[in-house]
């Protein structure tokens, strides 16, 4: 099995970190401005609360994807020690 290089590990963590940071923030503002304020016309407090709920759900999905990726890549590394009997 192929062991991932340090650059590949860094790249994966970097991309997921950016996704975990930007996805909830953008989903909050997109839901608030376009859906709750624009389409539904809800009050400011109501749109803030529901947009925050959506942002938390998106954050949990992003974290779940990162954890899934970490566990699925863990089985692909080769063992450190080769126990062979001569």
PDB file of N, CA and C in Angstrom:
ATOM      1  N   UNK A   1       0.840  -1.175   0.000  1.00  0.00           N
ATOM      2  CA  UNK A   1       0.000   0.000   0.000  1.00  0.00           C
ATOM      3  C   UNK A   1       0.887   1.240   0.000  1.00  0.00           C
ATOM      4  N   UNK A   2       0.350   2.305  -0.553  1.00  0.00           N
ATOM      5  CA  UNK A   2       1.116   3.526  -0.711  1.00  0.00           C
ATOM      6  C   UNK A   2       0.885   4.434   0.485  1.00  0.00           C
ATOM      7  N   UNK A   3       1.984   4.935   1.028  1.00  0.00           N
ATOM      8  CA  UNK A   3       1.900   5.854   2.151  1.00  0.00           C
ATOM      9  C   UNK A   3       1.760   7.282   1.618  1.00  0.00           C
ATOM     10  N   UNK A   4       0.813   8.065   2.156  1.00  0.00           N
ATOM     11  CA  UNK A   4       0.661   9.434   1.671  1.00  0.00           C
ATOM     12  C   UNK A   4       1.851  10.304   2.066  1.00  0.00           C
ATOM     13  N   UNK A   5       2.236  11.194   1.175  1.00  0.00           N
ATOM     14  CA  UNK A   5       3.346  12.094   1.470  1.00  0.00           C
ATOM     15  C   UNK A   5       2.878  13.183   2.422  1.00  0.00           C
ATOM     16  N   UNK A   6       3.833  13.857   3.031  1.00  0.00           N
ATOM     17  CA  UNK A   6       3.492  14.933   3.960  1.00  0.00           C
ATOM     18  C   UNK A   6       2.763  16.067   3.238  1.00  0.00           C
ATOM     19  N   UNK A   7       3.147  16.322   1.992  1.00  0.00           N
ATOM     20  CA  UNK A   7       2.470  17.378   1.237  1.00  0.00           C
ATOM     21  C   UNK A   7       1.011  17.024   0.967  1.00  0.00           C
ATOM     22  N   UNK A   8       0.747  15.774   0.638  1.00  0.00           N
ATOM     23  CA  UNK A   8      -0.643  15.354   0.398  1.00  0.00           C
ATOM     24  C   UNK A   8      -1.483  15.456   1.663  1.00  0.00           C
ATOM     25  N   UNK A   9      -0.895  15.095   2.793  1.00  0.00           N
ATOM     26  CA  UNK A   9      -1.608  15.210   4.074  1.00  0.00           C
ATOM     27  C   UNK A   9      -1.880  16.678   4.380  1.00  0.00           C
ATOM     28  N   UNK A  10      -0.867  17.531   4.193  1.00  0.00           N
ATOM     29  CA  UNK A  10      -1.040  18.963   4.434  1.00  0.00           C
ATOM     30  C   UNK A  10      -2.111  19.546   3.518  1.00  0.00           C
ATOM     31  N   UNK A  11      -2.081  19.160   2.250  1.00  0.00           N
ATOM     32  CA  UNK A  11      -3.044  19.671   1.283  1.00  0.00           C
ATOM     33  C   UNK A  11      -4.472  19.274   1.679  1.00  0.00           C
ATOM     34  N   UNK A  12      -4.648  18.026   2.090  1.00  0.00           N
ATOM     35  CA  UNK A  12      -5.976  17.564   2.508  1.00  0.00           C
ATOM     36  C   UNK A  12      -6.468  18.321   3.731  1.00  0.00           C
ATOM     37  N   UNK A  13      -5.620  18.481   4.738  1.00  0.00           N
ATOM     38  CA  UNK A  13      -6.011  19.198   5.954  1.00  0.00           C
ATOM     39  C   UNK A  13      -6.294  20.667   5.633  1.00  0.00           C
ATOM     40  N   UNK A  14      -5.482  21.248   4.760  1.00  0.00           N
ATOM     41  CA  UNK A  14      -5.673  22.654   4.385  1.00  0.00           C
ATOM     42  C   UNK A  14      -7.018  22.856   3.692  1.00  0.00           C
ATOM     43  N   UNK A  15      -7.336  22.017   2.727  1.00  0.00           N
ATOM     44  CA  UNK A  15      -8.603  22.154   2.007  1.00  0.00           C
ATOM     45  C   UNK A  15      -9.801  21.953   2.927  1.00  0.00           C
ATOM     46  N   UNK A  16      -9.734  20.969   3.795  1.00  0.00           N
ATOM     47  CA  UNK A  16     -10.843  20.752   4.723  1.00  0.00           C
ATOM     48  C   UNK A  16     -10.953  21.893   5.731  1.00  0.00           C
ATOM     49  N   UNK A  17      -9.833  22.462   6.149  1.00  0.00           N
ATOM     50  CA  UNK A  17      -9.883  23.596   7.075  1.00  0.00           C
ATOM     51  C   UNK A  17     -10.556  24.798   6.437  1.00  0.00           C
ATOM     52  N   UNK A  18     -10.217  25.072   5.184  1.00  0.00           N
ATOM     53  CA  UNK A  18     -10.855  26.176   4.470  1.00  0.00           C
ATOM     54  C   UNK A  18     -12.353  25.902   4.311  1.00  0.00           C
ATOM     55  N   UNK A  19     -12.704  24.655   3.969  1.00  0.00           N
ATOM     56  CA  UNK A  19     -14.107  24.287   3.804  1.00  0.00           C
ATOM     57  C   UNK A  19     -14.873  24.410   5.119  1.00  0.00           C
ATOM     58  N   UNK A  20     -14.259  23.952   6.220  1.00  0.00           N
ATOM     59  CA  UNK A  20     -14.904  24.012   7.533  1.00  0.00           C
ATOM     60  C   UNK A  20     -15.082  25.463   7.980  1.00  0.00           C
ATOM     61  N   UNK A  21     -14.201  26.340   7.553  1.00  0.00           N
ATOM     62  CA  UNK A  21     -14.317  27.746   7.920  1.00  0.00           C
ATOM     63  C   UNK A  21     -15.322  28.490   7.046  1.00  0.00           C
ATOM     64  N   UNK A  22     -15.255  28.295   5.742  1.00  0.00           N
ATOM     65  CA  UNK A  22     -16.058  29.098   4.822  1.00  0.00           C
ATOM     66  C   UNK A  22     -17.481  28.582   4.594  1.00  0.00           C
ATOM     67  N   UNK A  23     -17.689  27.287   4.641  1.00  0.00           N
ATOM     68  CA  UNK A  23     -19.017  26.741   4.343  1.00  0.00           C
ATOM     69  C   UNK A  23     -20.091  27.215   5.334  1.00  0.00           C
ATOM     70  N   UNK A  24     -19.863  27.157   6.644  1.00  0.00           N
ATOM     71  CA  UNK A  24     -20.912  27.636   7.559  1.00  0.00           C
ATOM     72  C   UNK A  24     -21.152  29.145   7.465  1.00  0.00           C
ATOM     73  N   UNK A  25     -20.072  29.910   7.268  1.00  0.00           N
ATOM     74  CA  UNK A  25     -20.230  31.369   7.173  1.00  0.00           C
ATOM     75  C   UNK A  25     -21.032  31.737   5.927  1.00  0.00           C
ATOM     76  N   UNK A  26     -20.663  31.138   4.809  1.00  0.00           N
ATOM     77  CA  UNK A  26     -21.380  31.469   3.572  1.00  0.00           C
ATOM     78  C   UNK A  26     -22.820  30.950   3.610  1.00  0.00           C
ATOM     79  N   UNK A  27     -23.034  29.770   4.200  1.00  0.00           N
ATOM     80  CA  UNK A  27     -24.408  29.264   4.271  1.00  0.00           C
ATOM     81  C   UNK A  27     -25.274  30.143   5.181  1.00  0.00           C
ATOM     82  N   UNK A  28     -24.687  30.692   6.237  1.00  0.00           N
ATOM     83  CA  UNK A  28     -25.440  31.593   7.108  1.00  0.00           C
ATOM     84  C   UNK A  28     -25.934  32.803   6.326  1.00  0.00           C
ATOM     85  N   UNK A  29     -25.013  33.475   5.638  1.00  0.00           N
ATOM     86  CA  UNK A  29     -25.396  34.704   4.948  1.00  0.00           C
ATOM     87  C   UNK A  29     -26.258  34.440   3.721  1.00  0.00           C
ATOM     88  N   UNK A  30     -25.988  33.362   3.006  1.00  0.00           N
ATOM     89  CA  UNK A  30     -26.824  33.036   1.849  1.00  0.00           C
ATOM     90  C   UNK A  30     -28.257  32.711   2.276  1.00  0.00           C
ATOM     91  N   UNK A  31     -28.397  31.913   3.328  1.00  0.00           N
ATOM     92  CA  UNK A  31     -29.732  31.568   3.808  1.00  0.00           C
ATOM     93  C   UNK A  31     -30.450  32.797   4.342  1.00  0.00           C
ATOM     94  N   UNK A  32     -29.729  33.635   5.071  1.00  0.00           N
ATOM     95  CA  UNK A  32     -30.350  34.821   5.658  1.00  0.00           C
ATOM     96  C   UNK A  32     -30.801  35.804   4.584  1.00  0.00           C
ATOM     97  N   UNK A  33     -29.897  36.172   3.692  1.00  0.00           N
ATOM     98  CA  UNK A  33     -30.202  37.229   2.725  1.00  0.00           C
ATOM     99  C   UNK A  33     -31.176  36.760   1.656  1.00  0.00           C
ATOM    100  N   UNK A  34     -30.894  35.614   1.065  1.00  0.00           N
ATOM    101  CA  UNK A  34     -31.690  35.199  -0.084  1.00  0.00           C
ATOM    102  C   UNK A  34     -32.967  34.454   0.297  1.00  0.00           C
ATOM    103  N   UNK A  35     -32.887  33.570   1.299  1.00  0.00           N
ATOM    104  CA  UNK A  35     -34.052  32.737   1.590  1.00  0.00           C
ATOM    105  C   UNK A  35     -34.962  33.362   2.645  1.00  0.00           C
ATOM    106  N   UNK A  36     -34.424  33.614   3.841  1.00  0.00           N
ATOM    107  CA  UNK A  36     -35.288  34.057   4.938  1.00  0.00           C
ATOM    108  C   UNK A  36     -35.722  35.515   4.786  1.00  0.00           C
ATOM    109  N   UNK A  37     -34.793  36.419   4.411  1.00  0.00           N
ATOM    110  CA  UNK A  37     -35.176  37.817   4.232  1.00  0.00           C
ATOM    111  C   UNK A  37     -35.829  38.052   2.869  1.00  0.00           C
ATOM    112  N   UNK A  38     -35.285  37.405   1.834  1.00  0.00           N
ATOM    113  CA  UNK A  38     -35.777  37.653   0.484  1.00  0.00           C
ATOM    114  C   UNK A  38     -37.056  36.918   0.151  1.00  0.00           C
ATOM    115  N   UNK A  39     -37.026  35.595   0.228  1.00  0.00           N
ATOM    116  CA  UNK A  39     -38.173  34.785  -0.193  1.00  0.00           C
ATOM    117  C   UNK A  39     -39.281  34.779   0.864  1.00  0.00           C
ATOM    118  N   UNK A  40     -38.911  34.467   2.096  1.00  0.00           N
ATOM    119  CA  UNK A  40     -39.934  34.336   3.138  1.00  0.00           C
ATOM    120  C   UNK A  40     -40.301  35.662   3.794  1.00  0.00           C
ATOM    121  N   UNK A  41     -39.382  36.624   3.808  1.00  0.00           N
ATOM    122  CA  UNK A  41     -39.656  37.921   4.422  1.00  0.00           C
ATOM    123  C   UNK A  41     -39.834  37.860   5.923  1.00  0.00           C
ATOM    124  N   UNK A  42     -39.078  37.026   6.592  1.00  0.00           N
ATOM    125  CA  UNK A  42     -39.196  36.897   8.049  1.00  0.00           C
ATOM    126  C   UNK A  42     -38.533  38.078   8.743  1.00  0.00           C
ATOM    127  N   UNK A  43     -38.752  38.180  10.042  1.00  0.00           N
ATOM    128  CA  UNK A  43     -38.151  39.262  10.818  1.00  0.00           C
ATOM    129  C   UNK A  43     -36.644  39.015  10.955  1.00  0.00           C
ATOM    130  N   UNK A  44     -35.962  40.053  11.418  1.00  0.00           N
ATOM    131  CA  UNK A  44     -34.506  39.991  11.513  1.00  0.00           C
ATOM    132  C   UNK A  44     -34.046  38.929  12.505  1.00  0.00           C
ATOM    133  N   UNK A  45     -34.675  38.848  13.656  1.00  0.00           N
ATOM    134  CA  UNK A  45     -34.282  37.877  14.679  1.00  0.00           C
ATOM    135  C   UNK A  45     -34.570  36.449  14.197  1.00  0.00           C
ATOM    136  N   UNK A  46     -35.716  36.240  13.614  1.00  0.00           N
ATOM    137  CA  UNK A  46     -36.083  34.911  13.128  1.00  0.00           C
ATOM    138  C   UNK A  46     -35.146  34.448  12.026  1.00  0.00           C
ATOM    139  N   UNK A  47     -34.827  35.337  11.108  1.00  0.00           N
ATOM    140  CA  UNK A  47     -33.908  34.951  10.034  1.00  0.00           C
ATOM    141  C   UNK A  47     -32.513  34.676  10.572  1.00  0.00           C
ATOM    142  N   UNK A  48     -32.075  35.411  11.594  1.00  0.00           N
ATOM    143  CA  UNK A  48     -30.771  35.147  12.209  1.00  0.00           C
ATOM    144  C   UNK A  48     -30.736  33.779  12.883  1.00  0.00           C
ATOM    145  N   UNK A  49     -31.790  33.448  13.611  1.00  0.00           N
ATOM    146  CA  UNK A  49     -31.829  32.176  14.334  1.00  0.00           C
ATOM    147  C   UNK A  49     -31.832  30.999  13.359  1.00  0.00           C
ATOM    148  N   UNK A  50     -32.693  31.046  12.354  1.00  0.00           N
ATOM    149  CA  UNK A  50     -32.766  29.925  11.417  1.00  0.00           C
ATOM    150  C   UNK A  50     -31.516  29.827  10.546  1.00  0.00           C
ATOM    151  N   UNK A  51     -30.913  30.948  10.219  1.00  0.00           N
ATOM    152  CA  UNK A  51     -29.661  30.919   9.465  1.00  0.00           C
ATOM    153  C   UNK A  51     -28.533  30.332  10.310  1.00  0.00           C
ATOM    154  N   UNK A  52     -28.534  30.626  11.602  1.00  0.00           N
ATOM    155  CA  UNK A  52     -27.536  30.038  12.494  1.00  0.00           C
ATOM    156  C   UNK A  52     -27.723  28.531  12.611  1.00  0.00           C
ATOM    157  N   UNK A  53     -28.968  28.083  12.651  1.00  0.00           N
ATOM    158  CA  UNK A  53     -29.233  26.643  12.700  1.00  0.00           C
ATOM    159  C   UNK A  53     -28.709  25.965  11.436  1.00  0.00           C
ATOM    160  N   UNK A  54     -28.943  26.580  10.285  1.00  0.00           N
ATOM    161  CA  UNK A  54     -28.438  26.022   9.028  1.00  0.00           C
ATOM    162  C   UNK A  54     -26.917  26.004   9.024  1.00  0.00           C
ATOM    163  N   UNK A  55     -26.276  27.059   9.534  1.00  0.00           N
ATOM    164  CA  UNK A  55     -24.815  27.117   9.577  1.00  0.00           C
ATOM    165  C   UNK A  55     -24.248  26.018  10.478  1.00  0.00           C
ATOM    166  N   UNK A  56     -24.907  25.743  11.593  1.00  0.00           N
ATOM    167  CA  UNK A  56     -24.443  24.683  12.496  1.00  0.00           C
ATOM    168  C   UNK A  56     -24.588  23.313  11.837  1.00  0.00           C
ATOM    169  N   UNK A  57     -25.673  23.102  11.118  1.00  0.00           N
ATOM    170  CA  UNK A  57     -25.856  21.833  10.407  1.00  0.00           C
ATOM    171  C   UNK A  57     -24.785  21.661   9.333  1.00  0.00           C
ATOM    172  N   UNK A  58     -24.504  22.724   8.582  1.00  0.00           N
ATOM    173  CA  UNK A  58     -23.456  22.663   7.549  1.00  0.00           C
ATOM    174  C   UNK A  58     -22.101  22.408   8.187  1.00  0.00           C
ATOM    175  N   UNK A  59     -21.827  23.022   9.330  1.00  0.00           N
ATOM    176  CA  UNK A  59     -20.563  22.787  10.039  1.00  0.00           C
ATOM    177  C   UNK A  59     -20.431  21.324  10.445  1.00  0.00           C
ATOM    178  N   UNK A  60     -21.495  20.737  10.961  1.00  0.00           N
ATOM    179  CA  UNK A  60     -21.443  19.333  11.362  1.00  0.00           C
ATOM    180  C   UNK A  60     -21.247  18.411  10.152  1.00  0.00           C
ATOM    181  N   UNK A  61     -21.843  18.738   9.038  1.00  0.00           N
ATOM    182  CA  UNK A  61     -21.633  17.953   7.822  1.00  0.00           C
ATOM    183  C   UNK A  61     -20.181  18.051   7.376  1.00  0.00           C
ATOM    184  N   UNK A  62     -19.613  19.252   7.408  1.00  0.00           N
ATOM    185  CA  UNK A  62     -18.216  19.439   7.010  1.00  0.00           C
ATOM    186  C   UNK A  62     -17.269  18.686   7.941  1.00  0.00           C
ATOM    187  N   UNK A  63     -17.516  18.741   9.232  1.00  0.00           N
ATOM    188  CA  UNK A  63     -16.681  18.001  10.179  1.00  0.00           C
ATOM    189  C   UNK A  63     -16.830  16.497   9.990  1.00  0.00           C
ATOM    190  N   UNK A  64     -18.041  16.047   9.718  1.00  0.00           N
ATOM    191  CA  UNK A  64     -18.263  14.627   9.462  1.00  0.00           C
ATOM    192  C   UNK A  64     -17.523  14.152   8.223  1.00  0.00           C
ATOM    193  N   UNK A  65     -17.507  14.972   7.172  1.00  0.00           N
ATOM    194  CA  UNK A  65     -16.748  14.614   5.968  1.00  0.00           C
ATOM    195  C   UNK A  65     -15.259  14.526   6.248  1.00  0.00           C
ATOM    196  N   UNK A  66     -14.753  15.451   7.065  1.00  0.00           N
ATOM    197  CA  UNK A  66     -13.334  15.416   7.418  1.00  0.00           C
ATOM    198  C   UNK A  66     -12.996  14.164   8.235  1.00  0.00           C
ATOM    199  N   UNK A  67     -13.832  13.841   9.191  1.00  0.00           N
ATOM    200  CA  UNK A  67     -13.588  12.648  10.018  1.00  0.00           C
ATOM    201  C   UNK A  67     -13.673  11.388   9.173  1.00  0.00           C
ATOM    202  N   UNK A  68     -14.637  11.329   8.264  1.00  0.00           N
ATOM    203  CA  UNK A  68     -14.748  10.177   7.369  1.00  0.00           C
ATOM    204  C   UNK A  68     -13.497  10.036   6.505  1.00  0.00           C
ATOM    205  N   UNK A  69     -13.011  11.148   5.980  1.00  0.00           N
ATOM    206  CA  UNK A  69     -11.796  11.128   5.153  1.00  0.00           C
ATOM    207  C   UNK A  69     -10.600  10.664   5.973  1.00  0.00           C
ATOM    208  N   UNK A  70     -10.493  11.123   7.198  1.00  0.00           N
ATOM    209  CA  UNK A  70      -9.364  10.740   8.050  1.00  0.00           C
ATOM    210  C   UNK A  70      -9.390   9.245   8.363  1.00  0.00           C
ATOM    211  N   UNK A  71     -10.566   8.706   8.660  1.00  0.00           N
ATOM    212  CA  UNK A  71     -10.654   7.285   8.962  1.00  0.00           C
ATOM    213  C   UNK A  71     -10.492   6.411   7.727  1.00  0.00           C
ATOM    214  N   UNK A  72     -10.977   6.873   6.594  1.00  0.00           N
ATOM    215  CA  UNK A  72     -10.850   6.058   5.384  1.00  0.00           C
ATOM    216  C   UNK A  72      -9.421   6.056   4.868  1.00  0.00           C
ATOM    217  N   UNK A  73      -8.676   7.128   5.069  1.00  0.00           N
ATOM    218  CA  UNK A  73      -7.269   7.167   4.656  1.00  0.00           C
ATOM    219  C   UNK A  73      -6.357   6.447   5.628  1.00  0.00           C
ATOM    220  N   UNK A  74      -6.802   6.248   6.848  1.00  0.00           N
ATOM    221  CA  UNK A  74      -5.971   5.606   7.862  1.00  0.00           C
ATOM    222  C   UNK A  74      -5.666   4.161   7.500  1.00  0.00           C
ATOM    223  N   UNK A  75      -6.586   3.468   6.889  1.00  0.00           N
ATOM    224  CA  UNK A  75      -6.386   2.074   6.528  1.00  0.00           C
ATOM    225  C   UNK A  75      -5.505   1.883   5.307  1.00  0.00           C
ATOM    226  N   UNK A  76      -5.186   2.967   4.589  1.00  0.00           N
ATOM    227  CA  UNK A  76      -4.396   2.870   3.371  1.00  0.00           C
ATOM    228  C   UNK A  76      -2.893   2.940   3.609  1.00  0.00           C
ATOM    229  N   UNK A  77      -2.468   3.277   4.812  1.00  0.00           N
ATOM    230  CA  UNK A  77      -1.035   3.383   5.079  1.00  0.00           C
ATOM    231  C   UNK A  77      -0.453   2.005   5.338  1.00  0.00           C
ATOM    232  N   UNK A  78       0.805   1.856   4.987  1.00  0.00           N
ATOM    233  CA  UNK A  78       1.450   0.561   5.213  1.00  0.00           C
ATOM    234  C   UNK A  78       1.945   0.470   6.646  1.00  0.00           C
ATOM    235  N   UNK A  79       2.074  -0.710   7.180  1.00  0.00           N
ATOM    236  CA  UNK A  79       2.544  -0.845   8.556  1.00  0.00           C
ATOM    237  C   UNK A  79       3.995  -0.413   8.682  1.00  0.00           C
ATOM    238  N   UNK A  80       4.343   0.080   9.877  1.00  0.00           N
ATOM    239  CA  UNK A  80       5.708   0.561  10.118  1.00  0.00           C
ATOM    240  C   UNK A  80       6.712  -0.575  10.209  1.00  0.00           C
ATOM    241  N   UNK A  81       6.306  -1.688  10.718  1.00  0.00           N
ATOM    242  CA  UNK A  81       7.224  -2.778  11.000  1.00  0.00           C
ATOM    243  C   UNK A  81       6.769  -4.011  10.243  1.00  0.00           C
ATOM    244  N   UNK A  82       7.699  -4.700   9.680  1.00  0.00           N
ATOM    245  CA  UNK A  82       7.401  -5.913   8.940  1.00  0.00           C
ATOM    246  C   UNK A  82       7.886  -7.096   9.764  1.00  0.00           C
ATOM    247  N   UNK A  83       6.990  -7.871  10.313  1.00  0.00           N
ATOM    248  CA  UNK A  83       7.366  -9.032  11.119  1.00  0.00           C
ATOM    249  C   UNK A  83       7.481 -10.255  10.235  1.00  0.00           C
ATOM    250  N   UNK A  84       8.706 -10.571   9.899  1.00  0.00           N
ATOM    251  CA  UNK A  84       8.959 -11.767   9.079  1.00  0.00           C
ATOM    252  C   UNK A  84       9.814 -12.719   9.901  1.00  0.00           C
ATOM    253  N   UNK A  85       9.462 -13.943   9.811  1.00  0.00           N
ATOM    254  CA  UNK A  85      10.247 -14.951  10.519  1.00  0.00           C
ATOM    255  C   UNK A  85      11.185 -15.613   9.500  1.00  0.00           C
ATOM    256  N   UNK A  86      12.457 -15.589   9.785  1.00  0.00           N
ATOM    257  CA  UNK A  86      13.442 -16.184   8.898  1.00  0.00           C
ATOM    258  C   UNK A  86      13.805 -17.576   9.327  1.00  0.00           C
TER     259      UNK A  86
END
